[in-house]
Amino acid sequence: MIKKLLPVVLILPLLASCASMAGKSRVVIMQHPETMDFQNCDVGKYGFDNDFKNQQTCVDDFKKQGYIIWGER
């Protein structure tokens, strides 16, 4: 019985992580309006919850430098 439940227990956290990123952009493209320089803030290869928090920190840091959000994908 335990051997049958083990795969389910291991897969559930992965599914929860995928569900938590639904509706969120994986890449935020930032542009500086004066220099026209572009920078990307992305969540990386896997996109776990912590990666989205790091992405938001990246966006906030660039906004402090005068960048604006040019696009998201």
C-alpha atoms as a PDB file:
ATOM      1  CA  MET A   1       0.000   0.000   0.000  1.00  0.00           C
ATOM      2  CA  ILE A   2       2.739   2.456   0.927  1.00  0.00           C
ATOM      3  CA  LYS A   3       4.636   1.649  -2.263  1.00  0.00           C
ATOM      4  CA  LYS A   4       1.555   2.586  -4.283  1.00  0.00           C
ATOM      5  CA  LEU A   5       1.151   5.935  -2.511  1.00  0.00           C
ATOM      6  CA  LEU A   6       4.799   6.946  -2.766  1.00  0.00           C
ATOM      7  CA  PRO A   7       4.642   8.126  -6.420  1.00  0.00           C
ATOM      8  CA  VAL A   8       1.522  10.172  -5.669  1.00  0.00           C
ATOM      9  CA  VAL A   9       3.183  11.809  -2.668  1.00  0.00           C
ATOM     10  CA  LEU A  10       6.228  12.674  -4.768  1.00  0.00           C
ATOM     11  CA  ILE A  11       4.240  14.124  -7.687  1.00  0.00           C
ATOM     12  CA  LEU A  12       1.803  16.303  -5.716  1.00  0.00           C
ATOM     13  CA  PRO A  13       4.342  19.037  -4.810  1.00  0.00           C
ATOM     14  CA  LEU A  14       5.344  19.342  -8.467  1.00  0.00           C
ATOM     15  CA  LEU A  15       1.741  19.740  -9.559  1.00  0.00           C
ATOM     16  CA  ALA A  16       1.114  22.319  -6.856  1.00  0.00           C
ATOM     17  CA  SER A  17       4.099  24.313  -8.050  1.00  0.00           C
ATOM     18  CA  CYS A  18       2.858  24.279 -11.643  1.00  0.00           C
ATOM     19  CA  ALA A  19      -0.607  25.356 -10.559  1.00  0.00           C
ATOM     20  CA  SER A  20       0.785  28.258  -8.543  1.00  0.00           C
ATOM     21  CA  MET A  21       2.396  29.804 -11.622  1.00  0.00           C
ATOM     22  CA  ALA A  22      -0.819  29.793 -13.660  1.00  0.00           C
ATOM     23  CA  GLY A  23      -1.463  33.259 -15.027  1.00  0.00           C
ATOM     24  CA  LYS A  24       1.974  34.609 -14.199  1.00  0.00           C
ATOM     25  CA  SER A  25       4.461  35.807 -16.779  1.00  0.00           C
ATOM     26  CA  ARG A  26       7.671  33.820 -17.063  1.00  0.00           C
ATOM     27  CA  VAL A  27       9.588  36.785 -18.535  1.00  0.00           C
ATOM     28  CA  VAL A  28       9.133  40.490 -17.808  1.00  0.00           C
ATOM     29  CA  ILE A  29      10.881  42.733 -20.330  1.00  0.00           C
ATOM     30  CA  MET A  30      12.095  46.026 -18.880  1.00  0.00           C
ATOM     31  CA  GLN A  31      13.128  49.096 -20.886  1.00  0.00           C
ATOM     32  CA  HIS A  32      14.861  52.283 -19.798  1.00  0.00           C
ATOM     33  CA  PRO A  33      13.009  55.145 -21.539  1.00  0.00           C
ATOM     34  CA  GLU A  34      16.084  57.379 -21.860  1.00  0.00           C
ATOM     35  CA  THR A  35      18.744  54.887 -22.937  1.00  0.00           C
ATOM     36  CA  MET A  36      16.363  52.443 -24.679  1.00  0.00           C
ATOM     37  CA  ASP A  37      18.261  49.643 -22.932  1.00  0.00           C
ATOM     38  CA  PHE A  38      16.351  46.374 -22.446  1.00  0.00           C
ATOM     39  CA  GLN A  39      16.696  43.940 -19.552  1.00  0.00           C
ATOM     40  CA  ASN A  40      14.831  40.696 -18.868  1.00  0.00           C
ATOM     41  CA  CYS A  41      13.618  39.409 -15.524  1.00  0.00           C
ATOM     42  CA  ASP A  42      12.731  35.749 -15.911  1.00  0.00           C
ATOM     43  CA  VAL A  43      11.864  32.859 -13.643  1.00  0.00           C
ATOM     44  CA  GLY A  44      14.409  30.494 -15.098  1.00  0.00           C
ATOM     45  CA  LYS A  45      13.988  26.975 -16.307  1.00  0.00           C
ATOM     46  CA  TYR A  46      11.636  25.564 -13.672  1.00  0.00           C
ATOM     47  CA  GLY A  47       9.587  28.499 -12.353  1.00  0.00           C
ATOM     48  CA  PHE A  48       9.029  27.518  -8.739  1.00  0.00           C
ATOM     49  CA  ASP A  49       7.339  29.918  -6.312  1.00  0.00           C
ATOM     50  CA  ASN A  50      10.677  31.246  -5.083  1.00  0.00           C
ATOM     51  CA  ASP A  51      11.711  31.967  -8.690  1.00  0.00           C
ATOM     52  CA  PHE A  52       8.647  34.198  -9.120  1.00  0.00           C
ATOM     53  CA  LYS A  53       9.565  36.064  -5.923  1.00  0.00           C
ATOM     54  CA  ASN A  54      13.079  36.606  -7.286  1.00  0.00           C
ATOM     55  CA  GLN A  55      11.573  37.822 -10.563  1.00  0.00           C
ATOM     56  CA  GLN A  56       9.486  40.411  -8.707  1.00  0.00           C
ATOM     57  CA  THR A  57      12.598  41.577  -6.848  1.00  0.00           C
ATOM     58  CA  CYS A  58      14.366  41.936 -10.216  1.00  0.00           C
ATOM     59  CA  VAL A  59      11.477  44.013 -11.598  1.00  0.00           C
ATOM     60  CA  ASP A  60      11.411  46.222  -8.501  1.00  0.00           C
ATOM     61  CA  ASP A  61      15.176  46.798  -8.679  1.00  0.00           C
ATOM     62  CA  PHE A  62      14.993  47.870 -12.331  1.00  0.00           C
ATOM     63  CA  LYS A  63      12.027  50.155 -11.616  1.00  0.00           C
ATOM     64  CA  LYS A  64      14.157  51.919  -8.987  1.00  0.00           C
ATOM     65  CA  GLN A  65      16.711  52.544 -11.741  1.00  0.00           C
ATOM     66  CA  GLY A  66      14.087  54.161 -13.971  1.00  0.00           C
ATOM     67  CA  TYR A  67      13.097  51.159 -16.113  1.00  0.00           C
ATOM     68  CA  ILE A  68       9.499  50.533 -17.105  1.00  0.00           C
ATOM     69  CA  ILE A  69       7.748  47.278 -17.972  1.00  0.00           C
ATOM     70  CA  TRP A  70       7.844  47.050 -21.766  1.00  0.00           C
ATOM     71  CA  GLY A  71       6.209  43.637 -22.071  1.00  0.00           C
ATOM     72  CA  GLU A  72       5.525  40.260 -20.533  1.00  0.00           C
ATOM     73  CA  ARG A  73       5.455  36.750 -21.906  1.00  0.00           C
END
